[in-house]
Amino acid sequence: MRRRRQKPNWLMTSFLVISFFGLAMSMIFTSSRQSRTRDLFQASAQVERDVASSLSDRDELNRKIQYLEGRSRISQVAGENLGMHKPEASEMVILSGGVLP
């Protein structure tokens, strides 16, 4: 009978150590990549919330500007602060379109 030749023990141990090291490194890299991806998604979600908030603020400011520029608001402020009023028919003077000398 022939005896099978046994592989050296150090060769099998080296293969197992290298395999384990490769597996551990791939797990570390995968975990790191997933952590970075999660952080990027969280940052992206925060940016989207900030943009939505800014758009809401802009819309509110536009409504406020439209109110403040409105004819009724200007008439009210002119009357309260400057004592102005809408002229009656008797207070109106129609000027001719002639050229001034």
PDB file of N, CA and C in Angstrom:
ATOM      1  N   MET A   1       0.805  -1.175   0.000  1.00  0.00           N
ATOM      2  CA  MET A   1       0.000   0.000   0.000  1.00  0.00           C
ATOM      3  C   MET A   1       0.853   1.246   0.000  1.00  0.00           C
ATOM      4  N   ARG A   2       0.324   2.124  -0.738  1.00  0.00           N
ATOM      5  CA  ARG A   2       1.055   3.391  -0.801  1.00  0.00           C
ATOM      6  C   ARG A   2       0.475   4.356   0.209  1.00  0.00           C
ATOM      7  N   ARG A   3       1.328   5.059   0.795  1.00  0.00           N
ATOM      8  CA  ARG A   3       0.889   6.074   1.754  1.00  0.00           C
ATOM      9  C   ARG A   3       0.728   7.399   1.032  1.00  0.00           C
ATOM     10  N   ARG A   4      -0.347   8.039   1.397  1.00  0.00           N
ATOM     11  CA  ARG A   4      -0.545   9.377   0.827  1.00  0.00           C
ATOM     12  C   ARG A   4       0.398  10.337   1.504  1.00  0.00           C
ATOM     13  N   ARG A   5       0.913  11.158   0.719  1.00  0.00           N
ATOM     14  CA  ARG A   5       1.851  12.130   1.238  1.00  0.00           C
ATOM     15  C   ARG A   5       1.078  13.252   1.913  1.00  0.00           C
ATOM     16  N   GLN A   6       1.345  13.564   3.130  1.00  0.00           N
ATOM     17  CA  GLN A   6       0.648  14.623   3.859  1.00  0.00           C
ATOM     18  C   GLN A   6       1.270  15.965   3.535  1.00  0.00           C
ATOM     19  N   LYS A   7       0.367  16.938   3.400  1.00  0.00           N
ATOM     20  CA  LYS A   7       0.849  18.295   3.145  1.00  0.00           C
ATOM     21  C   LYS A   7       1.429  18.828   4.439  1.00  0.00           C
ATOM     22  N   PRO A   8       2.385  19.682   4.308  1.00  0.00           N
ATOM     23  CA  PRO A   8       2.962  20.249   5.531  1.00  0.00           C
ATOM     24  C   PRO A   8       1.902  21.032   6.301  1.00  0.00           C
ATOM     25  N   ASN A   9       1.940  20.944   7.565  1.00  0.00           N
ATOM     26  CA  ASN A   9       0.979  21.590   8.449  1.00  0.00           C
ATOM     27  C   ASN A   9       1.055  23.115   8.344  1.00  0.00           C
ATOM     28  N   TRP A  10       2.213  23.665   8.187  1.00  0.00           N
ATOM     29  CA  TRP A  10       2.373  25.121   8.095  1.00  0.00           C
ATOM     30  C   TRP A  10       1.687  25.687   6.866  1.00  0.00           C
ATOM     31  N   LEU A  11       1.625  24.913   5.773  1.00  0.00           N
ATOM     32  CA  LEU A  11       0.988  25.374   4.550  1.00  0.00           C
ATOM     33  C   LEU A  11      -0.529  25.527   4.760  1.00  0.00           C
ATOM     34  N   MET A  12      -1.145  24.560   5.394  1.00  0.00           N
ATOM     35  CA  MET A  12      -2.575  24.627   5.668  1.00  0.00           C
ATOM     36  C   MET A  12      -2.866  25.759   6.651  1.00  0.00           C
ATOM     37  N   THR A  13      -2.049  25.912   7.664  1.00  0.00           N
ATOM     38  CA  THR A  13      -2.237  26.982   8.640  1.00  0.00           C
ATOM     39  C   THR A  13      -2.104  28.348   7.973  1.00  0.00           C
ATOM     40  N   SER A  14      -1.126  28.507   7.118  1.00  0.00           N
ATOM     41  CA  SER A  14      -0.924  29.778   6.402  1.00  0.00           C
ATOM     42  C   SER A  14      -2.131  30.090   5.521  1.00  0.00           C
ATOM     43  N   PHE A  15      -2.650  29.076   4.833  1.00  0.00           N
ATOM     44  CA  PHE A  15      -3.819  29.270   3.979  1.00  0.00           C
ATOM     45  C   PHE A  15      -5.018  29.711   4.810  1.00  0.00           C
ATOM     46  N   LEU A  16      -5.241  29.082   5.939  1.00  0.00           N
ATOM     47  CA  LEU A  16      -6.350  29.446   6.807  1.00  0.00           C
ATOM     48  C   LEU A  16      -6.192  30.856   7.371  1.00  0.00           C
ATOM     49  N   VAL A  17      -4.990  31.210   7.765  1.00  0.00           N
ATOM     50  CA  VAL A  17      -4.748  32.555   8.311  1.00  0.00           C
ATOM     51  C   VAL A  17      -4.981  33.616   7.238  1.00  0.00           C
ATOM     52  N   ILE A  18      -4.471  33.366   6.045  1.00  0.00           N
ATOM     53  CA  ILE A  18      -4.644  34.333   4.955  1.00  0.00           C
ATOM     54  C   ILE A  18      -6.127  34.441   4.574  1.00  0.00           C
ATOM     55  N   SER A  19      -6.824  33.318   4.517  1.00  0.00           N
ATOM     56  CA  SER A  19      -8.246  33.331   4.206  1.00  0.00           C
ATOM     57  C   SER A  19      -9.026  34.102   5.263  1.00  0.00           C
ATOM     58  N   PHE A  20      -8.729  33.842   6.522  1.00  0.00           N
ATOM     59  CA  PHE A  20      -9.412  34.540   7.608  1.00  0.00           C
ATOM     60  C   PHE A  20      -9.121  36.042   7.552  1.00  0.00           C
ATOM     61  N   PHE A  21      -7.873  36.400   7.296  1.00  0.00           N
ATOM     62  CA  PHE A  21      -7.497  37.809   7.204  1.00  0.00           C
ATOM     63  C   PHE A  21      -8.235  38.482   6.038  1.00  0.00           C
ATOM     64  N   GLY A  22      -8.324  37.805   4.892  1.00  0.00           N
ATOM     65  CA  GLY A  22      -9.032  38.359   3.746  1.00  0.00           C
ATOM     66  C   GLY A  22     -10.515  38.543   4.033  1.00  0.00           C
ATOM     67  N   LEU A  23     -11.112  37.561   4.691  1.00  0.00           N
ATOM     68  CA  LEU A  23     -12.520  37.667   5.052  1.00  0.00           C
ATOM     69  C   LEU A  23     -12.749  38.810   6.036  1.00  0.00           C
ATOM     70  N   ALA A  24     -11.883  38.919   7.034  1.00  0.00           N
ATOM     71  CA  ALA A  24     -12.012  39.992   8.024  1.00  0.00           C
ATOM     72  C   ALA A  24     -11.867  41.364   7.358  1.00  0.00           C
ATOM     73  N   MET A  25     -10.905  41.505   6.454  1.00  0.00           N
ATOM     74  CA  MET A  25     -10.699  42.790   5.778  1.00  0.00           C
ATOM     75  C   MET A  25     -11.904  43.142   4.899  1.00  0.00           C
ATOM     76  N   SER A  26     -12.463  42.164   4.195  1.00  0.00           N
ATOM     77  CA  SER A  26     -13.629  42.463   3.358  1.00  0.00           C
ATOM     78  C   SER A  26     -14.821  42.857   4.219  1.00  0.00           C
ATOM     79  N   MET A  27     -14.970  42.257   5.381  1.00  0.00           N
ATOM     80  CA  MET A  27     -16.060  42.638   6.285  1.00  0.00           C
ATOM     81  C   MET A  27     -15.850  44.059   6.819  1.00  0.00           C
ATOM     82  N   ILE A  28     -14.620  44.407   7.138  1.00  0.00           N
ATOM     83  CA  ILE A  28     -14.317  45.750   7.633  1.00  0.00           C
ATOM     84  C   ILE A  28     -14.597  46.787   6.546  1.00  0.00           C
ATOM     85  N   PHE A  29     -14.141  46.518   5.324  1.00  0.00           N
ATOM     86  CA  PHE A  29     -14.372  47.461   4.235  1.00  0.00           C
ATOM     87  C   PHE A  29     -15.865  47.610   3.934  1.00  0.00           C
ATOM     88  N   THR A  30     -16.597  46.502   3.953  1.00  0.00           N
ATOM     89  CA  THR A  30     -18.038  46.553   3.708  1.00  0.00           C
ATOM     90  C   THR A  30     -18.742  47.358   4.783  1.00  0.00           C
ATOM     91  N   SER A  31     -18.379  47.116   6.025  1.00  0.00           N
ATOM     92  CA  SER A  31     -18.984  47.850   7.138  1.00  0.00           C
ATOM     93  C   SER A  31     -18.675  49.343   7.039  1.00  0.00           C
ATOM     94  N   SER A  32     -17.442  49.654   6.705  1.00  0.00           N
ATOM     95  CA  SER A  32     -17.045  51.058   6.563  1.00  0.00           C
ATOM     96  C   SER A  32     -17.823  51.731   5.438  1.00  0.00           C
ATOM     97  N   ARG A  33     -17.954  51.057   4.324  1.00  0.00           N
ATOM     98  CA  ARG A  33     -18.679  51.614   3.181  1.00  0.00           C
ATOM     99  C   ARG A  33     -20.152  51.817   3.528  1.00  0.00           C
ATOM    100  N   GLN A  34     -20.735  50.860   4.234  1.00  0.00           N
ATOM    101  CA  GLN A  34     -22.132  51.000   4.626  1.00  0.00           C
ATOM    102  C   GLN A  34     -22.313  52.151   5.609  1.00  0.00           C
ATOM    103  N   SER A  35     -21.363  52.343   6.504  1.00  0.00           N
ATOM    104  CA  SER A  35     -21.442  53.466   7.449  1.00  0.00           C
ATOM    105  C   SER A  35     -21.372  54.794   6.711  1.00  0.00           C
ATOM    106  N   ARG A  36     -20.461  54.890   5.761  1.00  0.00           N
ATOM    107  CA  ARG A  36     -20.353  56.129   4.977  1.00  0.00           C
ATOM    108  C   ARG A  36     -21.619  56.372   4.174  1.00  0.00           C
ATOM    109  N   THR A  37     -22.186  55.307   3.595  1.00  0.00           N
ATOM    110  CA  THR A  37     -23.413  55.443   2.832  1.00  0.00           C
ATOM    111  C   THR A  37     -24.550  55.912   3.725  1.00  0.00           C
ATOM    112  N   ARG A  38     -24.666  55.341   4.918  1.00  0.00           N
ATOM    113  CA  ARG A  38     -25.711  55.753   5.857  1.00  0.00           C
ATOM    114  C   ARG A  38     -25.536  57.220   6.236  1.00  0.00           C
ATOM    115  N   ASP A  39     -24.294  57.624   6.503  1.00  0.00           N
ATOM    116  CA  ASP A  39     -24.031  59.024   6.849  1.00  0.00           C
ATOM    117  C   ASP A  39     -24.400  59.952   5.702  1.00  0.00           C
ATOM    118  N   LEU A  40     -24.095  59.542   4.472  1.00  0.00           N
ATOM    119  CA  LEU A  40     -24.438  60.369   3.310  1.00  0.00           C
ATOM    120  C   LEU A  40     -25.944  60.472   3.130  1.00  0.00           C
ATOM    121  N   PHE A  41     -26.667  59.375   3.359  1.00  0.00           N
ATOM    122  CA  PHE A  41     -28.121  59.419   3.270  1.00  0.00           C
ATOM    123  C   PHE A  41     -28.703  60.340   4.339  1.00  0.00           C
ATOM    124  N   GLN A  42     -28.146  60.299   5.540  1.00  0.00           N
ATOM    125  CA  GLN A  42     -28.630  61.174   6.604  1.00  0.00           C
ATOM    126  C   GLN A  42     -28.351  62.633   6.259  1.00  0.00           C
ATOM    127  N   ALA A  43     -27.157  62.899   5.727  1.00  0.00           N
ATOM    128  CA  ALA A  43     -26.830  64.270   5.329  1.00  0.00           C
ATOM    129  C   ALA A  43     -27.742  64.733   4.193  1.00  0.00           C
ATOM    130  N   SER A  44     -28.012  63.846   3.249  1.00  0.00           N
ATOM    131  CA  SER A  44     -28.896  64.181   2.140  1.00  0.00           C
ATOM    132  C   SER A  44     -30.305  64.476   2.649  1.00  0.00           C
ATOM    133  N   ALA A  45     -30.782  63.684   3.583  1.00  0.00           N
ATOM    134  CA  ALA A  45     -32.117  63.921   4.145  1.00  0.00           C
ATOM    135  C   ALA A  45     -32.160  65.255   4.882  1.00  0.00           C
ATOM    136  N   GLN A  46     -31.082  65.600   5.594  1.00  0.00           N
ATOM    137  CA  GLN A  46     -31.036  66.879   6.300  1.00  0.00           C
ATOM    138  C   GLN A  46     -31.048  68.044   5.307  1.00  0.00           C
ATOM    139  N   VAL A  47     -30.312  67.909   4.215  1.00  0.00           N
ATOM    140  CA  VAL A  47     -30.294  68.956   3.187  1.00  0.00           C
ATOM    141  C   VAL A  47     -31.686  69.111   2.576  1.00  0.00           C
ATOM    142  N   GLU A  48     -32.370  67.988   2.326  1.00  0.00           N
ATOM    143  CA  GLU A  48     -33.726  68.065   1.771  1.00  0.00           C
ATOM    144  C   GLU A  48     -34.673  68.760   2.747  1.00  0.00           C
ATOM    145  N   ARG A  49     -34.523  68.473   4.052  1.00  0.00           N
ATOM    146  CA  ARG A  49     -35.369  69.161   5.044  1.00  0.00           C
ATOM    147  C   ARG A  49     -35.045  70.656   5.080  1.00  0.00           C
ATOM    148  N   ASP A  50     -33.762  70.996   4.988  1.00  0.00           N
ATOM    149  CA  ASP A  50     -33.373  72.410   4.992  1.00  0.00           C
ATOM    150  C   ASP A  50     -33.923  73.134   3.769  1.00  0.00           C
ATOM    151  N   VAL A  51     -33.861  72.481   2.618  1.00  0.00           N
ATOM    152  CA  VAL A  51     -34.378  73.095   1.383  1.00  0.00           C
ATOM    153  C   VAL A  51     -35.887  73.301   1.501  1.00  0.00           C
ATOM    154  N   ALA A  52     -36.592  72.288   2.001  1.00  0.00           N
ATOM    155  CA  ALA A  52     -38.046  72.415   2.157  1.00  0.00           C
ATOM    156  C   ALA A  52     -38.386  73.549   3.115  1.00  0.00           C
ATOM    157  N   SER A  53     -37.625  73.662   4.195  1.00  0.00           N
ATOM    158  CA  SER A  53     -37.855  74.740   5.156  1.00  0.00           C
ATOM    159  C   SER A  53     -37.581  76.103   4.519  1.00  0.00           C
ATOM    160  N   SER A  54     -36.504  76.191   3.752  1.00  0.00           N
ATOM    161  CA  SER A  54     -36.162  77.450   3.085  1.00  0.00           C
ATOM    162  C   SER A  54     -37.233  77.848   2.062  1.00  0.00           C
ATOM    163  N   LEU A  55     -37.743  76.862   1.328  1.00  0.00           N
ATOM    164  CA  LEU A  55     -38.795  77.153   0.359  1.00  0.00           C
ATOM    165  C   LEU A  55     -40.064  77.623   1.062  1.00  0.00           C
ATOM    166  N   SER A  56     -40.367  77.014   2.183  1.00  0.00           N
ATOM    167  CA  SER A  56     -41.534  77.440   2.958  1.00  0.00           C
ATOM    168  C   SER A  56     -41.348  78.870   3.467  1.00  0.00           C
ATOM    169  N   ASP A  57     -40.148  79.169   3.969  1.00  0.00           N
ATOM    170  CA  ASP A  57     -39.856  80.530   4.430  1.00  0.00           C
ATOM    171  C   ASP A  57     -39.961  81.527   3.284  1.00  0.00           C
ATOM    172  N   ARG A  58     -39.451  81.138   2.118  1.00  0.00           N
ATOM    173  CA  ARG A  58     -39.515  82.030   0.952  1.00  0.00           C
ATOM    174  C   ARG A  58     -40.957  82.307   0.562  1.00  0.00           C
ATOM    175  N   ASP A  59     -41.778  81.264   0.557  1.00  0.00           N
ATOM    176  CA  ASP A  59     -43.188  81.450   0.216  1.00  0.00           C
ATOM    177  C   ASP A  59     -43.881  82.377   1.218  1.00  0.00           C
ATOM    178  N   GLU A  60     -43.570  82.197   2.489  1.00  0.00           N
ATOM    179  CA  GLU A  60     -44.157  83.061   3.524  1.00  0.00           C
ATOM    180  C   GLU A  60     -43.705  84.513   3.332  1.00  0.00           C
ATOM    181  N   LEU A  61     -42.437  84.723   3.029  1.00  0.00           N
ATOM    182  CA  LEU A  61     -41.939  86.084   2.796  1.00  0.00           C
ATOM    183  C   LEU A  61     -42.580  86.701   1.547  1.00  0.00           C
ATOM    184  N   ASN A  62     -42.776  85.895   0.494  1.00  0.00           N
ATOM    185  CA  ASN A  62     -43.443  86.406  -0.711  1.00  0.00           C
ATOM    186  C   ASN A  62     -44.877  86.834  -0.405  1.00  0.00           C
ATOM    187  N   ARG A  63     -45.589  86.045   0.409  1.00  0.00           N
ATOM    188  CA  ARG A  63     -46.959  86.437   0.800  1.00  0.00           C
ATOM    189  C   ARG A  63     -46.934  87.736   1.598  1.00  0.00           C
ATOM    190  N   LYS A  64     -45.954  87.879   2.484  1.00  0.00           N
ATOM    191  CA  LYS A  64     -45.849  89.100   3.292  1.00  0.00           C
ATOM    192  C   LYS A  64     -45.546  90.302   2.398  1.00  0.00           C
ATOM    193  N   ILE A  65     -44.657  90.120   1.422  1.00  0.00           N
ATOM    194  CA  ILE A  65     -44.326  91.206   0.492  1.00  0.00           C
ATOM    195  C   ILE A  65     -45.559  91.614  -0.305  1.00  0.00           C
ATOM    196  N   GLN A  66     -46.312  90.631  -0.791  1.00  0.00           N
ATOM    197  CA  GLN A  66     -47.522  90.953  -1.554  1.00  0.00           C
ATOM    198  C   GLN A  66     -48.516  91.724  -0.692  1.00  0.00           C
ATOM    199  N   TYR A  67     -48.652  91.343   0.563  1.00  0.00           N
ATOM    200  CA  TYR A  67     -49.553  92.070   1.458  1.00  0.00           C
ATOM    201  C   TYR A  67     -49.059  93.497   1.672  1.00  0.00           C
ATOM    202  N   LEU A  68     -47.760  93.647   1.965  1.00  0.00           N
ATOM    203  CA  LEU A  68     -47.219  94.983   2.247  1.00  0.00           C
ATOM    204  C   LEU A  68     -47.232  95.884   1.014  1.00  0.00           C
ATOM    205  N   GLU A  69     -47.104  95.305  -0.173  1.00  0.00           N
ATOM    206  CA  GLU A  69     -47.132  96.103  -1.402  1.00  0.00           C
ATOM    207  C   GLU A  69     -48.556  96.339  -1.914  1.00  0.00           C
ATOM    208  N   GLY A  70     -49.517  95.730  -1.292  1.00  0.00           N
ATOM    209  CA  GLY A  70     -50.899  95.844  -1.759  1.00  0.00           C
ATOM    210  C   GLY A  70     -51.458  97.250  -1.595  1.00  0.00           C
ATOM    211  N   ARG A  71     -52.369  97.594  -2.486  1.00  0.00           N
ATOM    212  CA  ARG A  71     -52.957  98.933  -2.499  1.00  0.00           C
ATOM    213  C   ARG A  71     -53.680  99.255  -1.192  1.00  0.00           C
ATOM    214  N   SER A  72     -54.403  98.293  -0.625  1.00  0.00           N
ATOM    215  CA  SER A  72     -55.134  98.558   0.614  1.00  0.00           C
ATOM    216  C   SER A  72     -54.177  98.849   1.771  1.00  0.00           C
ATOM    217  N   ARG A  73     -53.079  98.126   1.837  1.00  0.00           N
ATOM    218  CA  ARG A  73     -52.092  98.355   2.907  1.00  0.00           C
ATOM    219  C   ARG A  73     -51.420  99.710   2.735  1.00  0.00           C
ATOM    220  N   ILE A  74     -51.062 100.067   1.510  1.00  0.00           N
ATOM    221  CA  ILE A  74     -50.405 101.359   1.261  1.00  0.00           C
ATOM    222  C   ILE A  74     -51.362 102.497   1.592  1.00  0.00           C
ATOM    223  N   SER A  75     -52.628 102.358   1.220  1.00  0.00           N
ATOM    224  CA  SER A  75     -53.616 103.394   1.537  1.00  0.00           C
ATOM    225  C   SER A  75     -53.778 103.542   3.048  1.00  0.00           C
ATOM    226  N   GLN A  76     -53.792 102.430   3.755  1.00  0.00           N
ATOM    227  CA  GLN A  76     -53.931 102.465   5.210  1.00  0.00           C
ATOM    228  C   GLN A  76     -52.741 103.159   5.857  1.00  0.00           C
ATOM    229  N   VAL A  77     -51.523 102.805   5.452  1.00  0.00           N
ATOM    230  CA  VAL A  77     -50.317 103.409   6.033  1.00  0.00           C
ATOM    231  C   VAL A  77     -50.239 104.888   5.680  1.00  0.00           C
ATOM    232  N   ALA A  78     -50.594 105.232   4.434  1.00  0.00           N
ATOM    233  CA  ALA A  78     -50.564 106.638   4.021  1.00  0.00           C
ATOM    234  C   ALA A  78     -51.546 107.457   4.850  1.00  0.00           C
ATOM    235  N   GLY A  79     -52.702 106.896   5.126  1.00  0.00           N
ATOM    236  CA  GLY A  79     -53.686 107.618   5.933  1.00  0.00           C
ATOM    237  C   GLY A  79     -53.252 107.746   7.383  1.00  0.00           C
ATOM    238  N   GLU A  80     -52.718 106.670   7.963  1.00  0.00           N
ATOM    239  CA  GLU A  80     -52.332 106.690   9.377  1.00  0.00           C
ATOM    240  C   GLU A  80     -51.072 107.513   9.625  1.00  0.00           C
ATOM    241  N   ASN A  81     -50.064 107.331   8.813  1.00  0.00           N
ATOM    242  CA  ASN A  81     -48.771 107.973   9.081  1.00  0.00           C
ATOM    243  C   ASN A  81     -48.617 109.346   8.441  1.00  0.00           C
ATOM    244  N   LEU A  82     -49.245 109.547   7.294  1.00  0.00           N
ATOM    245  CA  LEU A  82     -49.034 110.796   6.562  1.00  0.00           C
ATOM    246  C   LEU A  82     -50.285 111.669   6.498  1.00  0.00           C
ATOM    247  N   GLY A  83     -51.373 111.189   7.034  1.00  0.00           N
ATOM    248  CA  GLY A  83     -52.604 111.965   7.011  1.00  0.00           C
ATOM    249  C   GLY A  83     -53.207 112.095   5.622  1.00  0.00           C
ATOM    250  N   MET A  84     -52.868 111.209   4.734  1.00  0.00           N
ATOM    251  CA  MET A  84     -53.391 111.266   3.357  1.00  0.00           C
ATOM    252  C   MET A  84     -54.754 110.575   3.298  1.00  0.00           C
ATOM    253  N   HIS A  85     -55.524 110.929   2.283  1.00  0.00           N
ATOM    254  CA  HIS A  85     -56.821 110.303   2.072  1.00  0.00           C
ATOM    255  C   HIS A  85     -57.124 110.301   0.584  1.00  0.00           C
ATOM    256  N   LYS A  86     -58.097 109.528   0.190  1.00  0.00           N
ATOM    257  CA  LYS A  86     -58.509 109.526  -1.209  1.00  0.00           C
ATOM    258  C   LYS A  86     -59.277 110.805  -1.471  1.00  0.00           C
ATOM    259  N   PRO A  87     -58.968 111.478  -2.556  1.00  0.00           N
ATOM    260  CA  PRO A  87     -59.611 112.777  -2.797  1.00  0.00           C
ATOM    261  C   PRO A  87     -61.085 112.625  -3.175  1.00  0.00           C
ATOM    262  N   GLU A  88     -61.847 113.580  -2.709  1.00  0.00           N
ATOM    263  CA  GLU A  88     -63.251 113.683  -3.113  1.00  0.00           C
ATOM    264  C   GLU A  88     -63.285 114.336  -4.489  1.00  0.00           C
ATOM    265  N   ALA A  89     -64.406 114.274  -5.133  1.00  0.00           N
ATOM    266  CA  ALA A  89     -64.535 114.870  -6.467  1.00  0.00           C
ATOM    267  C   ALA A  89     -64.262 116.368  -6.422  1.00  0.00           C
ATOM    268  N   SER A  90     -64.660 117.028  -5.330  1.00  0.00           N
ATOM    269  CA  SER A  90     -64.456 118.484  -5.230  1.00  0.00           C
ATOM    270  C   SER A  90     -62.983 118.835  -5.026  1.00  0.00           C
ATOM    271  N   GLU A  91     -62.177 117.886  -4.589  1.00  0.00           N
ATOM    272  CA  GLU A  91     -60.753 118.155  -4.344  1.00  0.00           C
ATOM    273  C   GLU A  91     -59.890 117.911  -5.580  1.00  0.00           C
ATOM    274  N   MET A  92     -60.466 117.357  -6.626  1.00  0.00           N
ATOM    275  CA  MET A  92     -59.698 117.028  -7.825  1.00  0.00           C
ATOM    276  C   MET A  92     -59.627 118.224  -8.749  1.00  0.00           C
ATOM    277  N   VAL A  93     -58.458 118.433  -9.304  1.00  0.00           N
ATOM    278  CA  VAL A  93     -58.249 119.500 -10.277  1.00  0.00           C
ATOM    279  C   VAL A  93     -57.757 118.851 -11.554  1.00  0.00           C
ATOM    280  N   ILE A  94     -58.434 119.093 -12.663  1.00  0.00           N
ATOM    281  CA  ILE A  94     -58.034 118.529 -13.937  1.00  0.00           C
ATOM    282  C   ILE A  94     -57.157 119.559 -14.631  1.00  0.00           C
ATOM    283  N   LEU A  95     -55.998 119.157 -15.017  1.00  0.00           N
ATOM    284  CA  LEU A  95     -55.059 120.043 -15.699  1.00  0.00           C
ATOM    285  C   LEU A  95     -55.151 119.804 -17.197  1.00  0.00           C
ATOM    286  N   SER A  96     -54.982 120.856 -17.949  1.00  0.00           N
ATOM    287  CA  SER A  96     -54.995 120.715 -19.403  1.00  0.00           C
ATOM    288  C   SER A  96     -53.654 120.142 -19.839  1.00  0.00           C
ATOM    289  N   GLY A  97     -53.640 119.565 -20.981  1.00  0.00           N
ATOM    290  CA  GLY A  97     -52.408 118.949 -21.474  1.00  0.00           C
ATOM    291  C   GLY A  97     -51.499 119.911 -22.188  1.00  0.00           C
ATOM    292  N   GLY A  98     -51.579 121.174 -21.921  1.00  0.00           N
ATOM    293  CA  GLY A  98     -50.750 122.166 -22.596  1.00  0.00           C
ATOM    294  C   GLY A  98     -49.294 122.096 -22.141  1.00  0.00           C
ATOM    295  N   VAL A  99     -48.439 122.760 -22.928  1.00  0.00           N
ATOM    296  CA  VAL A  99     -47.021 122.784 -22.625  1.00  0.00           C
ATOM    297  C   VAL A  99     -46.734 123.972 -21.721  1.00  0.00           C
ATOM    298  N   LEU A 100     -45.935 123.743 -20.726  1.00  0.00           N
ATOM    299  CA  LEU A 100     -45.560 124.839 -19.830  1.00  0.00           C
ATOM    300  C   LEU A 100     -44.524 125.728 -20.470  1.00  0.00           C
ATOM    301  N   PRO A 101     -44.583 127.038 -20.175  1.00  0.00           N
ATOM    302  CA  PRO A 101     -43.596 127.966 -20.792  1.00  0.00           C
ATOM    303  C   PRO A 101     -42.236 127.828 -20.205  1.00  0.00           C
TER     304      PRO A 101
END
